[in-house]
C-alpha atoms as a PDB file:
ATOM      1  CA  UNK A   1      96.027 124.844  83.014  1.00  0.00           C
ATOM      2  CA  UNK A   2      92.167 124.189  81.845  1.00  0.00           C
ATOM      3  CA  UNK A   3      89.771 122.033  83.749  1.00  0.00           C
ATOM      4  CA  UNK A   4      89.860 118.712  81.526  1.00  0.00           C
ATOM      5  CA  UNK A   5      93.884 118.998  81.644  1.00  0.00           C
ATOM      6  CA  UNK A   6      93.563 118.912  85.559  1.00  0.00           C
ATOM      7  CA  UNK A   7      90.878 116.311  85.559  1.00  0.00           C
ATOM      8  CA  UNK A   8      92.813 113.980  83.263  1.00  0.00           C
ATOM      9  CA  UNK A   9      95.967 114.744  85.540  1.00  0.00           C
ATOM     10  CA  UNK A  10      94.094 113.995  88.751  1.00  0.00           C
ATOM     11  CA  UNK A  11      95.730 110.521  90.611  1.00  0.00           C
ATOM     12  CA  UNK A  12      95.104 108.991  94.048  1.00  0.00           C
ATOM     13  CA  UNK A  13      98.089 109.857  95.887  1.00  0.00           C
ATOM     14  CA  UNK A  14      99.093 107.885  99.062  1.00  0.00           C
ATOM     15  CA  UNK A  15     102.843 108.867  99.367  1.00  0.00           C
ATOM     16  CA  UNK A  16     103.801 112.409  99.847  1.00  0.00           C
ATOM     17  CA  UNK A  17     106.892 114.725 100.265  1.00  0.00           C
ATOM     18  CA  UNK A  18     107.869 116.284 103.735  1.00  0.00           C
ATOM     19  CA  UNK A  19     107.227 119.452 102.282  1.00  0.00           C
ATOM     20  CA  UNK A  20     104.402 122.081 103.891  1.00  0.00           C
ATOM     21  CA  UNK A  21     101.215 123.405 102.131  1.00  0.00           C
ATOM     22  CA  UNK A  22     101.559 127.038 101.799  1.00  0.00           C
ATOM     23  CA  UNK A  23      98.677 128.963 103.599  1.00  0.00           C
ATOM     24  CA  UNK A  24      97.769 130.466 100.462  1.00  0.00           C
ATOM     25  CA  UNK A  25      97.407 127.487  98.236  1.00  0.00           C
ATOM     26  CA  UNK A  26      95.012 125.794 101.475  1.00  0.00           C
ATOM     27  CA  UNK A  27      93.073 128.935 101.570  1.00  0.00           C
ATOM     28  CA  UNK A  28      92.357 128.713  97.738  1.00  0.00           C
ATOM     29  CA  UNK A  29      91.396 124.985  98.152  1.00  0.00           C
ATOM     30  CA  UNK A  30      89.339 125.818 100.672  1.00  0.00           C
ATOM     31  CA  UNK A  31      87.322 128.647  98.981  1.00  0.00           C
ATOM     32  CA  UNK A  32      86.940 125.876  95.750  1.00  0.00           C
ATOM     33  CA  UNK A  33      84.948 123.743  98.457  1.00  0.00           C
ATOM     34  CA  UNK A  34      83.337 126.827  99.429  1.00  0.00           C
ATOM     35  CA  UNK A  35      81.928 127.943  96.042  1.00  0.00           C
ATOM     36  CA  UNK A  36      80.127 124.210  95.377  1.00  0.00           C
ATOM     37  CA  UNK A  37      76.799 124.276  94.684  1.00  0.00           C
ATOM     38  CA  UNK A  38      74.775 122.492  97.225  1.00  0.00           C
ATOM     39  CA  UNK A  39      71.116 121.271  97.579  1.00  0.00           C
ATOM     40  CA  UNK A  40      68.656 124.635  98.112  1.00  0.00           C
ATOM     41  CA  UNK A  41      72.234 126.293  98.692  1.00  0.00           C
ATOM     42  CA  UNK A  42      72.230 125.026 102.413  1.00  0.00           C
ATOM     43  CA  UNK A  43      76.092 124.957 102.481  1.00  0.00           C
ATOM     44  CA  UNK A  44      75.918 122.079 105.252  1.00  0.00           C
ATOM     45  CA  UNK A  45      79.749 121.171 104.635  1.00  0.00           C
ATOM     46  CA  UNK A  46      82.384 121.694 107.008  1.00  0.00           C
ATOM     47  CA  UNK A  47      86.088 120.557 107.087  1.00  0.00           C
ATOM     48  CA  UNK A  48      88.555 119.942 110.035  1.00  0.00           C
ATOM     49  CA  UNK A  49      92.157 120.255 108.614  1.00  0.00           C
ATOM     50  CA  UNK A  50      94.585 118.239 110.778  1.00  0.00           C
ATOM     51  CA  UNK A  51      97.812 119.050 110.399  1.00  0.00           C
ATOM     52  CA  UNK A  52      99.544 117.972 113.589  1.00  0.00           C
ATOM     53  CA  UNK A  53     101.384 114.938 113.256  1.00  0.00           C
ATOM     54  CA  UNK A  54     100.030 113.496 116.858  1.00  0.00           C
ATOM     55  CA  UNK A  55      96.748 113.968 115.919  1.00  0.00           C
ATOM     56  CA  UNK A  56      97.380 112.242 111.969  1.00  0.00           C
ATOM     57  CA  UNK A  57      98.882 109.370 113.907  1.00  0.00           C
ATOM     58  CA  UNK A  58      95.752 109.118 116.051  1.00  0.00           C
ATOM     59  CA  UNK A  59      93.799 109.099 112.698  1.00  0.00           C
ATOM     60  CA  UNK A  60      95.710 106.126 111.141  1.00  0.00           C
ATOM     61  CA  UNK A  61      93.785 103.859 113.429  1.00  0.00           C
ATOM     62  CA  UNK A  62      90.486 105.643 112.883  1.00  0.00           C
ATOM     63  CA  UNK A  63      90.975 104.960 109.311  1.00  0.00           C
ATOM     64  CA  UNK A  64      91.565 101.167 109.546  1.00  0.00           C
ATOM     65  CA  UNK A  65      95.303 101.535 109.673  1.00  0.00           C
ATOM     66  CA  UNK A  66      95.852 103.344 106.375  1.00  0.00           C
ATOM     67  CA  UNK A  67      99.691 104.709 107.114  1.00  0.00           C
ATOM     68  CA  UNK A  68      99.834 107.213 104.658  1.00  0.00           C
ATOM     69  CA  UNK A  69      97.117 109.385 107.045  1.00  0.00           C
ATOM     70  CA  UNK A  70     100.013 109.999 109.251  1.00  0.00           C
ATOM     71  CA  UNK A  71     102.754 110.968 105.979  1.00  0.00           C
ATOM     72  CA  UNK A  72     100.484 113.632 104.545  1.00  0.00           C
ATOM     73  CA  UNK A  73     100.702 117.195 105.467  1.00  0.00           C
ATOM     74  CA  UNK A  74      97.266 117.495 106.050  1.00  0.00           C
ATOM     75  CA  UNK A  75      94.020 115.390 106.350  1.00  0.00           C
ATOM     76  CA  UNK A  76      90.688 116.987 105.633  1.00  0.00           C
ATOM     77  CA  UNK A  77      87.585 115.559 107.785  1.00  0.00           C
ATOM     78  CA  UNK A  78      84.728 116.560 105.487  1.00  0.00           C
ATOM     79  CA  UNK A  79      81.253 116.593 107.762  1.00  0.00           C
ATOM     80  CA  UNK A  80      77.898 117.641 107.237  1.00  0.00           C
ATOM     81  CA  UNK A  81      76.139 119.848 109.384  1.00  0.00           C
ATOM     82  CA  UNK A  82      72.853 118.268 108.614  1.00  0.00           C
ATOM     83  CA  UNK A  83      71.522 115.086 107.595  1.00  0.00           C
ATOM     84  CA  UNK A  84      67.779 115.594 107.608  1.00  0.00           C
ATOM     85  CA  UNK A  85      67.150 116.901 104.107  1.00  0.00           C
ATOM     86  CA  UNK A  86      66.071 114.507 101.459  1.00  0.00           C
ATOM     87  CA  UNK A  87      65.952 115.595  97.614  1.00  0.00           C
ATOM     88  CA  UNK A  88      62.616 114.875  95.821  1.00  0.00           C
ATOM     89  CA  UNK A  89      65.018 111.597  94.081  1.00  0.00           C
ATOM     90  CA  UNK A  90      64.861 110.298  97.533  1.00  0.00           C
ATOM     91  CA  UNK A  91      68.824 110.845  97.580  1.00  0.00           C
ATOM     92  CA  UNK A  92      70.279 112.389 100.725  1.00  0.00           C
ATOM     93  CA  UNK A  93      71.498 115.807 100.034  1.00  0.00           C
ATOM     94  CA  UNK A  94      74.611 115.717 102.448  1.00  0.00           C
ATOM     95  CA  UNK A  95      76.447 113.107 101.098  1.00  0.00           C
ATOM     96  CA  UNK A  96      76.430 114.744  97.533  1.00  0.00           C
ATOM     97  CA  UNK A  97      76.691 118.018  98.642  1.00  0.00           C
ATOM     98  CA  UNK A  98      79.825 117.130 100.511  1.00  0.00           C
ATOM     99  CA  UNK A  99      81.411 115.082  97.546  1.00  0.00           C
ATOM    100  CA  UNK A 100      80.818 118.147  95.196  1.00  0.00           C
ATOM    101  CA  UNK A 101      82.458 120.266  97.386  1.00  0.00           C
ATOM    102  CA  UNK A 102      85.544 117.902  98.370  1.00  0.00           C
ATOM    103  CA  UNK A 103      85.469 117.234  94.293  1.00  0.00           C
ATOM    104  CA  UNK A 104      86.405 120.894  93.621  1.00  0.00           C
ATOM    105  CA  UNK A 105      88.737 121.082  96.205  1.00  0.00           C
ATOM    106  CA  UNK A 106      90.507 117.882  95.001  1.00  0.00           C
ATOM    107  CA  UNK A 107      90.775 119.587  91.444  1.00  0.00           C
ATOM    108  CA  UNK A 108      91.879 122.688  92.904  1.00  0.00           C
ATOM    109  CA  UNK A 109      94.544 120.769  94.670  1.00  0.00           C
ATOM    110  CA  UNK A 110      95.925 119.261  91.561  1.00  0.00           C
ATOM    111  CA  UNK A 111      95.818 122.907  90.049  1.00  0.00           C
ATOM    112  CA  UNK A 112      98.034 124.038  92.805  1.00  0.00           C
ATOM    113  CA  UNK A 113     100.573 121.006  91.942  1.00  0.00           C
ATOM    114  CA  UNK A 114      99.017 118.957  95.244  1.00  0.00           C
ATOM    115  CA  UNK A 115      97.573 115.654  95.471  1.00  0.00           C
ATOM    116  CA  UNK A 116      94.885 114.141  97.262  1.00  0.00           C
ATOM    117  CA  UNK A 117      93.076 110.788  98.440  1.00  0.00           C
ATOM    118  CA  UNK A 118      89.987 109.875  99.142  1.00  0.00           C
ATOM    119  CA  UNK A 119      89.075 107.811 101.967  1.00  0.00           C
ATOM    120  CA  UNK A 120      85.703 106.183 102.820  1.00  0.00           C
ATOM    121  CA  UNK A 121      87.449 103.140 105.072  1.00  0.00           C
ATOM    122  CA  UNK A 122      87.579 104.702 108.419  1.00  0.00           C
ATOM    123  CA  UNK A 123      85.378 104.505 111.750  1.00  0.00           C
ATOM    124  CA  UNK A 124      83.395 107.881 111.904  1.00  0.00           C
ATOM    125  CA  UNK A 125      83.040 107.216 115.964  1.00  0.00           C
ATOM    126  CA  UNK A 126      86.734 107.121 116.497  1.00  0.00           C
ATOM    127  CA  UNK A 127      87.508 110.133 113.983  1.00  0.00           C
ATOM    128  CA  UNK A 128      84.900 111.941 115.961  1.00  0.00           C
ATOM    129  CA  UNK A 129      86.622 110.872 118.922  1.00  0.00           C
ATOM    130  CA  UNK A 130      90.036 112.136 118.052  1.00  0.00           C
ATOM    131  CA  UNK A 131      89.035 115.502 117.210  1.00  0.00           C
ATOM    132  CA  UNK A 132      85.805 116.499 119.090  1.00  0.00           C
ATOM    133  CA  UNK A 133      83.244 116.413 116.310  1.00  0.00           C
ATOM    134  CA  UNK A 134      79.762 116.840 118.075  1.00  0.00           C
ATOM    135  CA  UNK A 135      77.061 113.726 117.556  1.00  0.00           C
ATOM    136  CA  UNK A 136      75.037 115.622 115.438  1.00  0.00           C
ATOM    137  CA  UNK A 137      77.428 115.809 112.643  1.00  0.00           C
ATOM    138  CA  UNK A 138      77.853 113.556 109.860  1.00  0.00           C
ATOM    139  CA  UNK A 139      81.791 112.671 108.847  1.00  0.00           C
ATOM    140  CA  UNK A 140      81.350 111.810 105.107  1.00  0.00           C
ATOM    141  CA  UNK A 141      84.547 111.436 104.058  1.00  0.00           C
ATOM    142  CA  UNK A 142      88.770 111.907 104.668  1.00  0.00           C
ATOM    143  CA  UNK A 143      90.995 113.387 102.415  1.00  0.00           C
ATOM    144  CA  UNK A 144      95.011 113.504 102.616  1.00  0.00           C
ATOM    145  CA  UNK A 145      96.336 116.432 101.048  1.00  0.00           C
ATOM    146  CA  UNK A 146     100.193 117.474  99.997  1.00  0.00           C
ATOM    147  CA  UNK A 147     102.692 117.327  97.282  1.00  0.00           C
ATOM    148  CA  UNK A 148     102.891 114.076  95.665  1.00  0.00           C
ATOM    149  CA  UNK A 149     105.733 111.944  95.820  1.00  0.00           C
ATOM    150  CA  UNK A 150     104.513 109.607  93.334  1.00  0.00           C
ATOM    151  CA  UNK A 151     103.073 109.772  89.789  1.00  0.00           C
ATOM    152  CA  UNK A 152     100.466 106.892  89.432  1.00  0.00           C
ATOM    153  CA  UNK A 153      99.593 105.851  86.268  1.00  0.00           C
ATOM    154  CA  UNK A 154      96.104 106.305  84.838  1.00  0.00           C
ATOM    155  CA  UNK A 155      94.022 103.694  86.215  1.00  0.00           C
ATOM    156  CA  UNK A 156      91.504 101.759  83.401  1.00  0.00           C
ATOM    157  CA  UNK A 157      88.589 103.166  82.846  1.00  0.00           C
ATOM    158  CA  UNK A 158      85.083 102.102  81.161  1.00  0.00           C
ATOM    159  CA  UNK A 159      84.729 103.529  77.402  1.00  0.00           C
ATOM    160  CA  UNK A 160      81.880 106.509  76.538  1.00  0.00           C
ATOM    161  CA  UNK A 161      80.025 103.621  75.233  1.00  0.00           C
ATOM    162  CA  UNK A 162      79.902 101.795  78.313  1.00  0.00           C
ATOM    163  CA  UNK A 163      78.678 104.271  80.243  1.00  0.00           C
ATOM    164  CA  UNK A 164      76.556 106.848  78.144  1.00  0.00           C
ATOM    165  CA  UNK A 165      73.310 105.997  76.520  1.00  0.00           C
ATOM    166  CA  UNK A 166      70.975 108.029  74.385  1.00  0.00           C
ATOM    167  CA  UNK A 167      67.552 108.609  75.477  1.00  0.00           C
ATOM    168  CA  UNK A 168      66.900 104.956  76.952  1.00  0.00           C
ATOM    169  CA  UNK A 169      69.308 102.626  78.852  1.00  0.00           C
ATOM    170  CA  UNK A 170      71.441 100.897  76.217  1.00  0.00           C
ATOM    171  CA  UNK A 171      71.367 102.735  73.493  1.00  0.00           C
ATOM    172  CA  UNK A 172      74.718 103.886  71.913  1.00  0.00           C
ATOM    173  CA  UNK A 173      75.065 107.603  72.260  1.00  0.00           C
END
């Protein structure tokens, strides 16, 4: 499968089959994240993989009642070990770097026949408490992972003319 095909196939999956994710596939997904670029090659991402049903059940409340968190075979908790580095453009590097790693993991998951859903609606302090994540570690994102039990239709997207400009804002490409 080529990358563009994977990108076109990717969907936010909220219904999963009760099927375990093979360890070899999980390792390739982790490797995809490990190989992601990061600002100054700091590689400050860390991931907690939650597979225990009791722990996932606790995470539902921390994820603001999103029940599918419990139903996914795996919940990935994406963290950053450092938040102090600000890039010259003024953006904190950690949120971007973790997002790049998660994107690569998400695309590899699709390549493996799996699905994911990004979860940005959660209580960081509750997740931290449930998983024993130290105070100095930021929890950037949660992501469910497993075999899809649904194939959602693609969401509408803006046209290229609406998002891409040539030389100056608003100039058609």
